[in-house]
Amino acid sequence: MRFTKPEQFFIAAGVGLGAAASLAANTGWIAKGGTFPPFVYVLLGLGIVEVAVSLLMRQPPGSLFTFPARILAFALGVGVLILLTGGLA
């Protein structure tokens, strides 16, 4: 499957959000055993990125990225999070 340029940006944003969440978890900004596990922040960040990019490109939110791009962005973000922190929680 080929991804468009905005979808490639979204996938890269997922990887970046996973790295940022692991940095926040490793430095103590996010409690590893807190109410929200670190992967929830990756999911929320992807939602914010999707809405922001959709508004910048003047598209209705939810219509710019395909579902496989969303799944891949989240999976790669959580994968990076697991690699850098050593686990999900």
PDB file of N, CA and C in Angstrom:
ATOM      1  N   MET A   1       0.844  -1.174   0.000  1.00  0.00           N
ATOM      2  CA  MET A   1       0.000   0.000   0.000  1.00  0.00           C
ATOM      3  C   MET A   1       0.886   1.232   0.000  1.00  0.00           C
ATOM      4  N   ARG A   2       0.541   2.194  -0.815  1.00  0.00           N
ATOM      5  CA  ARG A   2       1.288   3.451  -0.869  1.00  0.00           C
ATOM      6  C   ARG A   2       0.558   4.497  -0.026  1.00  0.00           C
ATOM      7  N   PHE A   3       1.341   5.221   0.741  1.00  0.00           N
ATOM      8  CA  PHE A   3       0.783   6.278   1.572  1.00  0.00           C
ATOM      9  C   PHE A   3       1.069   7.630   0.930  1.00  0.00           C
ATOM     10  N   THR A   4       0.121   8.543   1.081  1.00  0.00           N
ATOM     11  CA  THR A   4       0.304   9.896   0.561  1.00  0.00           C
ATOM     12  C   THR A   4       1.279  10.658   1.468  1.00  0.00           C
ATOM     13  N   LYS A   5       1.700  11.833   1.043  1.00  0.00           N
ATOM     14  CA  LYS A   5       2.634  12.648   1.843  1.00  0.00           C
ATOM     15  C   LYS A   5       2.057  13.016   3.211  1.00  0.00           C
ATOM     16  N   PRO A   6       0.781  13.444   3.304  1.00  0.00           N
ATOM     17  CA  PRO A   6       0.244  13.722   4.642  1.00  0.00           C
ATOM     18  C   PRO A   6       0.199  12.475   5.525  1.00  0.00           C
ATOM     19  N   GLU A   7      -0.077  11.323   4.928  1.00  0.00           N
ATOM     20  CA  GLU A   7      -0.094  10.084   5.718  1.00  0.00           C
ATOM     21  C   GLU A   7       1.307   9.713   6.184  1.00  0.00           C
ATOM     22  N   GLN A   8       2.306   9.952   5.347  1.00  0.00           N
ATOM     23  CA  GLN A   8       3.682   9.689   5.757  1.00  0.00           C
ATOM     24  C   GLN A   8       4.081  10.609   6.909  1.00  0.00           C
ATOM     25  N   PHE A   9       3.653  11.860   6.846  1.00  0.00           N
ATOM     26  CA  PHE A   9       3.902  12.783   7.952  1.00  0.00           C
ATOM     27  C   PHE A   9       3.212  12.285   9.225  1.00  0.00           C
ATOM     28  N   PHE A  10       1.992  11.802   9.096  1.00  0.00           N
ATOM     29  CA  PHE A  10       1.238  11.316  10.246  1.00  0.00           C
ATOM     30  C   PHE A  10       1.920  10.103  10.871  1.00  0.00           C
ATOM     31  N   ILE A  11       2.433   9.211  10.046  1.00  0.00           N
ATOM     32  CA  ILE A  11       3.142   8.032  10.556  1.00  0.00           C
ATOM     33  C   ILE A  11       4.416   8.457  11.275  1.00  0.00           C
ATOM     34  N   ALA A  12       5.138   9.410  10.706  1.00  0.00           N
ATOM     35  CA  ALA A  12       6.341   9.926  11.367  1.00  0.00           C
ATOM     36  C   ALA A  12       5.993  10.626  12.679  1.00  0.00           C
ATOM     37  N   ALA A  13       4.849  11.302  12.710  1.00  0.00           N
ATOM     38  CA  ALA A  13       4.405  11.943  13.947  1.00  0.00           C
ATOM     39  C   ALA A  13       4.110  10.894  15.019  1.00  0.00           C
ATOM     40  N   GLY A  14       3.573   9.746  14.616  1.00  0.00           N
ATOM     41  CA  GLY A  14       3.338   8.667  15.574  1.00  0.00           C
ATOM     42  C   GLY A  14       4.628   8.174  16.197  1.00  0.00           C
ATOM     43  N   VAL A  15       5.674   8.030  15.384  1.00  0.00           N
ATOM     44  CA  VAL A  15       6.975   7.611  15.902  1.00  0.00           C
ATOM     45  C   VAL A  15       7.525   8.676  16.852  1.00  0.00           C
ATOM     46  N   GLY A  16       7.398   9.936  16.459  1.00  0.00           N
ATOM     47  CA  GLY A  16       7.873  11.023  17.313  1.00  0.00           C
ATOM     48  C   GLY A  16       7.110  11.112  18.625  1.00  0.00           C
ATOM     49  N   LEU A  17       5.817  10.882  18.572  1.00  0.00           N
ATOM     50  CA  LEU A  17       5.018  10.904  19.800  1.00  0.00           C
ATOM     51  C   LEU A  17       5.372   9.737  20.721  1.00  0.00           C
ATOM     52  N   GLY A  18       5.685   8.586  20.133  1.00  0.00           N
ATOM     53  CA  GLY A  18       6.129   7.455  20.946  1.00  0.00           C
ATOM     54  C   GLY A  18       7.445   7.756  21.642  1.00  0.00           C
ATOM     55  N   ALA A  19       8.367   8.397  20.924  1.00  0.00           N
ATOM     56  CA  ALA A  19       9.645   8.783  21.524  1.00  0.00           C
ATOM     57  C   ALA A  19       9.447   9.842  22.610  1.00  0.00           C
ATOM     58  N   ALA A  20       8.559  10.799  22.358  1.00  0.00           N
ATOM     59  CA  ALA A  20       8.294  11.845  23.347  1.00  0.00           C
ATOM     60  C   ALA A  20       7.630  11.270  24.598  1.00  0.00           C
ATOM     61  N   ALA A  21       6.709  10.337  24.420  1.00  0.00           N
ATOM     62  CA  ALA A  21       6.052   9.717  25.580  1.00  0.00           C
ATOM     63  C   ALA A  21       7.038   8.879  26.389  1.00  0.00           C
ATOM     64  N   SER A  22       7.960   8.208  25.704  1.00  0.00           N
ATOM     65  CA  SER A  22       8.949   7.424  26.447  1.00  0.00           C
ATOM     66  C   SER A  22       9.913   8.340  27.194  1.00  0.00           C
ATOM     67  N   LEU A  23      10.276   9.465  26.586  1.00  0.00           N
ATOM     68  CA  LEU A  23      11.124  10.435  27.280  1.00  0.00           C
ATOM     69  C   LEU A  23      10.413  10.968  28.522  1.00  0.00           C
ATOM     70  N   ALA A  24       9.133  11.291  28.368  1.00  0.00           N
ATOM     71  CA  ALA A  24       8.358  11.796  29.501  1.00  0.00           C
ATOM     72  C   ALA A  24       8.200  10.734  30.589  1.00  0.00           C
ATOM     73  N   ALA A  25       8.053   9.476  30.198  1.00  0.00           N
ATOM     74  CA  ALA A  25       7.914   8.403  31.185  1.00  0.00           C
ATOM     75  C   ALA A  25       9.242   8.127  31.882  1.00  0.00           C
ATOM     76  N   ASN A  26      10.340   8.193  31.134  1.00  0.00           N
ATOM     77  CA  ASN A  26      11.653   7.915  31.730  1.00  0.00           C
ATOM     78  C   ASN A  26      12.124   9.035  32.648  1.00  0.00           C
ATOM     79  N   THR A  27      11.721  10.272  32.376  1.00  0.00           N
ATOM     80  CA  THR A  27      12.130  11.392  33.220  1.00  0.00           C
ATOM     81  C   THR A  27      11.170  11.643  34.379  1.00  0.00           C
ATOM     82  N   GLY A  28      10.030  10.975  34.374  1.00  0.00           N
ATOM     83  CA  GLY A  28       9.096  11.091  35.487  1.00  0.00           C
ATOM     84  C   GLY A  28       7.963  12.074  35.264  1.00  0.00           C
ATOM     85  N   TRP A  29       7.860  12.671  34.088  1.00  0.00           N
ATOM     86  CA  TRP A  29       6.754  13.581  33.822  1.00  0.00           C
ATOM     87  C   TRP A  29       5.435  12.839  33.719  1.00  0.00           C
ATOM     88  N   ILE A  30       5.489  11.593  33.253  1.00  0.00           N
ATOM     89  CA  ILE A  30       4.309  10.727  33.184  1.00  0.00           C
ATOM     90  C   ILE A  30       4.579   9.553  34.110  1.00  0.00           C
ATOM     91  N   ALA A  31       3.670   9.298  35.028  1.00  0.00           N
ATOM     92  CA  ALA A  31       3.829   8.159  35.927  1.00  0.00           C
ATOM     93  C   ALA A  31       3.578   6.871  35.159  1.00  0.00           C
ATOM     94  N   LYS A  32       4.518   5.926  35.250  1.00  0.00           N
ATOM     95  CA  LYS A  32       4.365   4.676  34.508  1.00  0.00           C
ATOM     96  C   LYS A  32       3.175   3.865  35.011  1.00  0.00           C
ATOM     97  N   GLY A  33       2.864   3.941  36.264  1.00  0.00           N
ATOM     98  CA  GLY A  33       1.722   3.223  36.815  1.00  0.00           C
ATOM     99  C   GLY A  33       0.566   4.153  37.138  1.00  0.00           C
ATOM    100  N   GLY A  34       0.483   5.287  36.463  1.00  0.00           N
ATOM    101  CA  GLY A  34      -0.537   6.290  36.752  1.00  0.00           C
ATOM    102  C   GLY A  34      -1.894   5.936  36.167  1.00  0.00           C
ATOM    103  N   THR A  35      -2.781   6.899  36.215  1.00  0.00           N
ATOM    104  CA  THR A  35      -4.136   6.710  35.705  1.00  0.00           C
ATOM    105  C   THR A  35      -4.131   6.416  34.210  1.00  0.00           C
ATOM    106  N   PHE A  36      -3.354   7.195  33.465  1.00  0.00           N
ATOM    107  CA  PHE A  36      -3.222   6.966  32.031  1.00  0.00           C
ATOM    108  C   PHE A  36      -1.848   6.382  31.752  1.00  0.00           C
ATOM    109  N   PRO A  37      -1.792   5.187  31.176  1.00  0.00           N
ATOM    110  CA  PRO A  37      -0.483   4.657  30.778  1.00  0.00           C
ATOM    111  C   PRO A  37       0.109   5.494  29.651  1.00  0.00           C
ATOM    112  N   PRO A  38       1.418   5.421  29.442  1.00  0.00           N
ATOM    113  CA  PRO A  38       2.053   6.281  28.440  1.00  0.00           C
ATOM    114  C   PRO A  38       1.511   6.102  27.022  1.00  0.00           C
ATOM    115  N   PHE A  39       1.019   4.909  26.662  1.00  0.00           N
ATOM    116  CA  PHE A  39       0.534   4.738  25.294  1.00  0.00           C
ATOM    117  C   PHE A  39      -0.754   5.516  25.035  1.00  0.00           C
ATOM    118  N   VAL A  40      -1.482   5.877  26.077  1.00  0.00           N
ATOM    119  CA  VAL A  40      -2.682   6.686  25.907  1.00  0.00           C
ATOM    120  C   VAL A  40      -2.298   8.081  25.420  1.00  0.00           C
ATOM    121  N   TYR A  41      -1.156   8.573  25.887  1.00  0.00           N
ATOM    122  CA  TYR A  41      -0.689   9.885  25.431  1.00  0.00           C
ATOM    123  C   TYR A  41      -0.301   9.858  23.954  1.00  0.00           C
ATOM    124  N   VAL A  42       0.207   8.724  23.492  1.00  0.00           N
ATOM    125  CA  VAL A  42       0.494   8.580  22.064  1.00  0.00           C
ATOM    126  C   VAL A  42      -0.814   8.654  21.281  1.00  0.00           C
ATOM    127  N   LEU A  43      -1.831   7.981  21.739  1.00  0.00           N
ATOM    128  CA  LEU A  43      -3.132   7.989  21.060  1.00  0.00           C
ATOM    129  C   LEU A  43      -3.756   9.378  21.059  1.00  0.00           C
ATOM    130  N   LEU A  44      -3.720  10.054  22.203  1.00  0.00           N
ATOM    131  CA  LEU A  44      -4.269  11.410  22.274  1.00  0.00           C
ATOM    132  C   LEU A  44      -3.479  12.376  21.391  1.00  0.00           C
ATOM    133  N   GLY A  45      -2.162  12.220  21.374  1.00  0.00           N
ATOM    134  CA  GLY A  45      -1.328  13.069  20.528  1.00  0.00           C
ATOM    135  C   GLY A  45      -1.625  12.874  19.057  1.00  0.00           C
ATOM    136  N   LEU A  46      -1.861  11.632  18.643  1.00  0.00           N
ATOM    137  CA  LEU A  46      -2.211  11.370  17.250  1.00  0.00           C
ATOM    138  C   LEU A  46      -3.542  12.020  16.882  1.00  0.00           C
ATOM    139  N   GLY A  47      -4.470  12.010  17.805  1.00  0.00           N
ATOM    140  CA  GLY A  47      -5.749  12.678  17.556  1.00  0.00           C
ATOM    141  C   GLY A  47      -5.580  14.181  17.394  1.00  0.00           C
ATOM    142  N   ILE A  48      -4.736  14.774  18.226  1.00  0.00           N
ATOM    143  CA  ILE A  48      -4.487  16.207  18.129  1.00  0.00           C
ATOM    144  C   ILE A  48      -3.778  16.542  16.821  1.00  0.00           C
ATOM    145  N   VAL A  49      -2.804  15.705  16.440  1.00  0.00           N
ATOM    146  CA  VAL A  49      -2.091  15.927  15.177  1.00  0.00           C
ATOM    147  C   VAL A  49      -3.054  15.817  14.001  1.00  0.00           C
ATOM    148  N   GLU A  50      -3.943  14.839  14.046  1.00  0.00           N
ATOM    149  CA  GLU A  50      -4.887  14.667  12.942  1.00  0.00           C
ATOM    150  C   GLU A  50      -5.804  15.872  12.794  1.00  0.00           C
ATOM    151  N   VAL A  51      -6.313  16.368  13.895  1.00  0.00           N
ATOM    152  CA  VAL A  51      -7.199  17.531  13.835  1.00  0.00           C
ATOM    153  C   VAL A  51      -6.428  18.767  13.364  1.00  0.00           C
ATOM    154  N   ALA A  52      -5.211  18.960  13.870  1.00  0.00           N
ATOM    155  CA  ALA A  52      -4.418  20.131  13.491  1.00  0.00           C
ATOM    156  C   ALA A  52      -4.064  20.113  12.003  1.00  0.00           C
ATOM    157  N   VAL A  53      -3.613  18.960  11.506  1.00  0.00           N
ATOM    158  CA  VAL A  53      -3.254  18.870  10.087  1.00  0.00           C
ATOM    159  C   VAL A  53      -4.488  19.022   9.210  1.00  0.00           C
ATOM    160  N   SER A  54      -5.599  18.464   9.622  1.00  0.00           N
ATOM    161  CA  SER A  54      -6.831  18.600   8.840  1.00  0.00           C
ATOM    162  C   SER A  54      -7.278  20.051   8.758  1.00  0.00           C
ATOM    163  N   LEU A  55      -7.157  20.773   9.860  1.00  0.00           N
ATOM    164  CA  LEU A  55      -7.543  22.182   9.838  1.00  0.00           C
ATOM    165  C   LEU A  55      -6.576  23.007   8.993  1.00  0.00           C
ATOM    166  N   LEU A  56      -5.278  22.689   9.062  1.00  0.00           N
ATOM    167  CA  LEU A  56      -4.299  23.414   8.249  1.00  0.00           C
ATOM    168  C   LEU A  56      -4.505  23.176   6.756  1.00  0.00           C
ATOM    169  N   MET A  57      -4.914  21.957   6.394  1.00  0.00           N
ATOM    170  CA  MET A  57      -5.111  21.629   4.986  1.00  0.00           C
ATOM    171  C   MET A  57      -6.546  21.883   4.532  1.00  0.00           C
ATOM    172  N   ARG A  58      -7.362  22.430   5.417  1.00  0.00           N
ATOM    173  CA  ARG A  58      -8.751  22.760   5.127  1.00  0.00           C
ATOM    174  C   ARG A  58      -9.555  21.547   4.654  1.00  0.00           C
ATOM    175  N   GLN A  59      -9.385  20.451   5.366  1.00  0.00           N
ATOM    176  CA  GLN A  59     -10.136  19.220   5.124  1.00  0.00           C
ATOM    177  C   GLN A  59     -10.956  18.934   6.376  1.00  0.00           C
ATOM    178  N   PRO A  60     -12.068  18.268   6.247  1.00  0.00           N
ATOM    179  CA  PRO A  60     -12.799  17.887   7.456  1.00  0.00           C
ATOM    180  C   PRO A  60     -11.992  16.856   8.255  1.00  0.00           C
ATOM    181  N   PRO A  61     -11.921  17.019   9.572  1.00  0.00           N
ATOM    182  CA  PRO A  61     -11.177  16.052  10.372  1.00  0.00           C
ATOM    183  C   PRO A  61     -11.730  14.644  10.180  1.00  0.00           C
ATOM    184  N   GLY A  62     -10.827  13.708  10.013  1.00  0.00           N
ATOM    185  CA  GLY A  62     -11.214  12.318   9.817  1.00  0.00           C
ATOM    186  C   GLY A  62     -11.222  11.879   8.369  1.00  0.00           C
ATOM    187  N   SER A  63     -11.057  12.815   7.445  1.00  0.00           N
ATOM    188  CA  SER A  63     -11.108  12.442   6.036  1.00  0.00           C
ATOM    189  C   SER A  63      -9.744  12.473   5.356  1.00  0.00           C
ATOM    190  N   LEU A  64      -8.726  12.916   6.049  1.00  0.00           N
ATOM    191  CA  LEU A  64      -7.424  13.092   5.423  1.00  0.00           C
ATOM    192  C   LEU A  64      -6.580  11.819   5.443  1.00  0.00           C
ATOM    193  N   PHE A  65      -6.672  11.026   6.511  1.00  0.00           N
ATOM    194  CA  PHE A  65      -5.837   9.836   6.669  1.00  0.00           C
ATOM    195  C   PHE A  65      -6.685   8.572   6.562  1.00  0.00           C
ATOM    196  N   THR A  66      -6.121   7.553   5.931  1.00  0.00           N
ATOM    197  CA  THR A  66      -6.819   6.275   5.842  1.00  0.00           C
ATOM    198  C   THR A  66      -6.627   5.502   7.139  1.00  0.00           C
ATOM    199  N   PHE A  67      -7.457   4.498   7.327  1.00  0.00           N
ATOM    200  CA  PHE A  67      -7.379   3.714   8.556  1.00  0.00           C
ATOM    201  C   PHE A  67      -6.065   2.944   8.670  1.00  0.00           C
ATOM    202  N   PRO A  68      -5.535   2.359   7.578  1.00  0.00           N
ATOM    203  CA  PRO A  68      -4.227   1.700   7.717  1.00  0.00           C
ATOM    204  C   PRO A  68      -3.110   2.651   8.152  1.00  0.00           C
ATOM    205  N   ALA A  69      -3.162   3.907   7.728  1.00  0.00           N
ATOM    206  CA  ALA A  69      -2.146   4.874   8.157  1.00  0.00           C
ATOM    207  C   ALA A  69      -2.296   5.173   9.646  1.00  0.00           C
ATOM    208  N   ARG A  70      -3.522   5.262  10.118  1.00  0.00           N
ATOM    209  CA  ARG A  70      -3.745   5.503  11.552  1.00  0.00           C
ATOM    210  C   ARG A  70      -3.245   4.337  12.395  1.00  0.00           C
ATOM    211  N   ILE A  71      -3.551   3.116  11.965  1.00  0.00           N
ATOM    212  CA  ILE A  71      -3.117   1.930  12.702  1.00  0.00           C
ATOM    213  C   ILE A  71      -1.594   1.831  12.705  1.00  0.00           C
ATOM    214  N   LEU A  72      -0.976   2.067  11.553  1.00  0.00           N
ATOM    215  CA  LEU A  72       0.483   1.993  11.468  1.00  0.00           C
ATOM    216  C   LEU A  72       1.142   3.068  12.327  1.00  0.00           C
ATOM    217  N   ALA A  73       0.612   4.276  12.324  1.00  0.00           N
ATOM    218  CA  ALA A  73       1.174   5.348  13.146  1.00  0.00           C
ATOM    219  C   ALA A  73       1.082   4.991  14.626  1.00  0.00           C
ATOM    220  N   PHE A  74      -0.053   4.465  15.057  1.00  0.00           N
ATOM    221  CA  PHE A  74      -0.206   4.092  16.458  1.00  0.00           C
ATOM    222  C   PHE A  74       0.681   2.902  16.818  1.00  0.00           C
ATOM    223  N   ALA A  75       0.742   1.909  15.944  1.00  0.00           N
ATOM    224  CA  ALA A  75       1.563   0.729  16.223  1.00  0.00           C
ATOM    225  C   ALA A  75       3.043   1.092  16.296  1.00  0.00           C
ATOM    226  N   LEU A  76       3.512   1.919  15.382  1.00  0.00           N
ATOM    227  CA  LEU A  76       4.917   2.332  15.427  1.00  0.00           C
ATOM    228  C   LEU A  76       5.196   3.211  16.645  1.00  0.00           C
ATOM    229  N   GLY A  77       4.257   4.081  16.986  1.00  0.00           N
ATOM    230  CA  GLY A  77       4.425   4.912  18.178  1.00  0.00           C
ATOM    231  C   GLY A  77       4.514   4.090  19.445  1.00  0.00           C
ATOM    232  N   VAL A  78       3.638   3.106  19.575  1.00  0.00           N
ATOM    233  CA  VAL A  78       3.675   2.233  20.754  1.00  0.00           C
ATOM    234  C   VAL A  78       4.914   1.343  20.715  1.00  0.00           C
ATOM    235  N   GLY A  79       5.317   0.919  19.514  1.00  0.00           N
ATOM    236  CA  GLY A  79       6.532   0.118  19.394  1.00  0.00           C
ATOM    237  C   GLY A  79       7.765   0.877  19.854  1.00  0.00           C
ATOM    238  N   VAL A  80       7.880   2.118  19.439  1.00  0.00           N
ATOM    239  CA  VAL A  80       9.001   2.947  19.889  1.00  0.00           C
ATOM    240  C   VAL A  80       8.927   3.169  21.394  1.00  0.00           C
ATOM    241  N   LEU A  81       7.730   3.384  21.896  1.00  0.00           N
ATOM    242  CA  LEU A  81       7.528   3.555  23.334  1.00  0.00           C
ATOM    243  C   LEU A  81       7.996   2.325  24.094  1.00  0.00           C
ATOM    244  N   ILE A  82       7.637   1.144  23.625  1.00  0.00           N
ATOM    245  CA  ILE A  82       8.038  -0.101  24.283  1.00  0.00           C
ATOM    246  C   ILE A  82       9.548  -0.286  24.214  1.00  0.00           C
ATOM    247  N   LEU A  83      10.132   0.008  23.064  1.00  0.00           N
ATOM    248  CA  LEU A  83      11.585  -0.151  22.923  1.00  0.00           C
ATOM    249  C   LEU A  83      12.366   0.777  23.841  1.00  0.00           C
ATOM    250  N   LEU A  84      11.919   1.994  23.972  1.00  0.00           N
ATOM    251  CA  LEU A  84      12.689   2.975  24.749  1.00  0.00           C
ATOM    252  C   LEU A  84      12.408   2.927  26.251  1.00  0.00           C
ATOM    253  N   THR A  85      11.220   2.475  26.659  1.00  0.00           N
ATOM    254  CA  THR A  85      10.913   2.427  28.087  1.00  0.00           C
ATOM    255  C   THR A  85      11.026   1.023  28.666  1.00  0.00           C
ATOM    256  N   GLY A  86      10.971   0.025  27.825  1.00  0.00           N
ATOM    257  CA  GLY A  86      11.055  -1.350  28.323  1.00  0.00           C
ATOM    258  C   GLY A  86       9.715  -1.970  28.624  1.00  0.00           C
ATOM    259  N   GLY A  87       8.618  -1.322  28.298  1.00  0.00           N
ATOM    260  CA  GLY A  87       7.290  -1.882  28.534  1.00  0.00           C
ATOM    261  C   GLY A  87       6.218  -0.835  28.332  1.00  0.00           C
ATOM    262  N   LEU A  88       4.974  -1.275  28.450  1.00  0.00           N
ATOM    263  CA  LEU A  88       3.842  -0.367  28.268  1.00  0.00           C
ATOM    264  C   LEU A  88       3.525   0.440  29.513  1.00  0.00           C
ATOM    265  N   ALA A  89       3.663  -0.153  30.681  1.00  0.00           N
ATOM    266  CA  ALA A  89       3.277   0.547  31.895  1.00  0.00           C
ATOM    267  C   ALA A  89       4.389   0.605  32.898  1.00  0.00           C
TER     268      ALA A  89
END
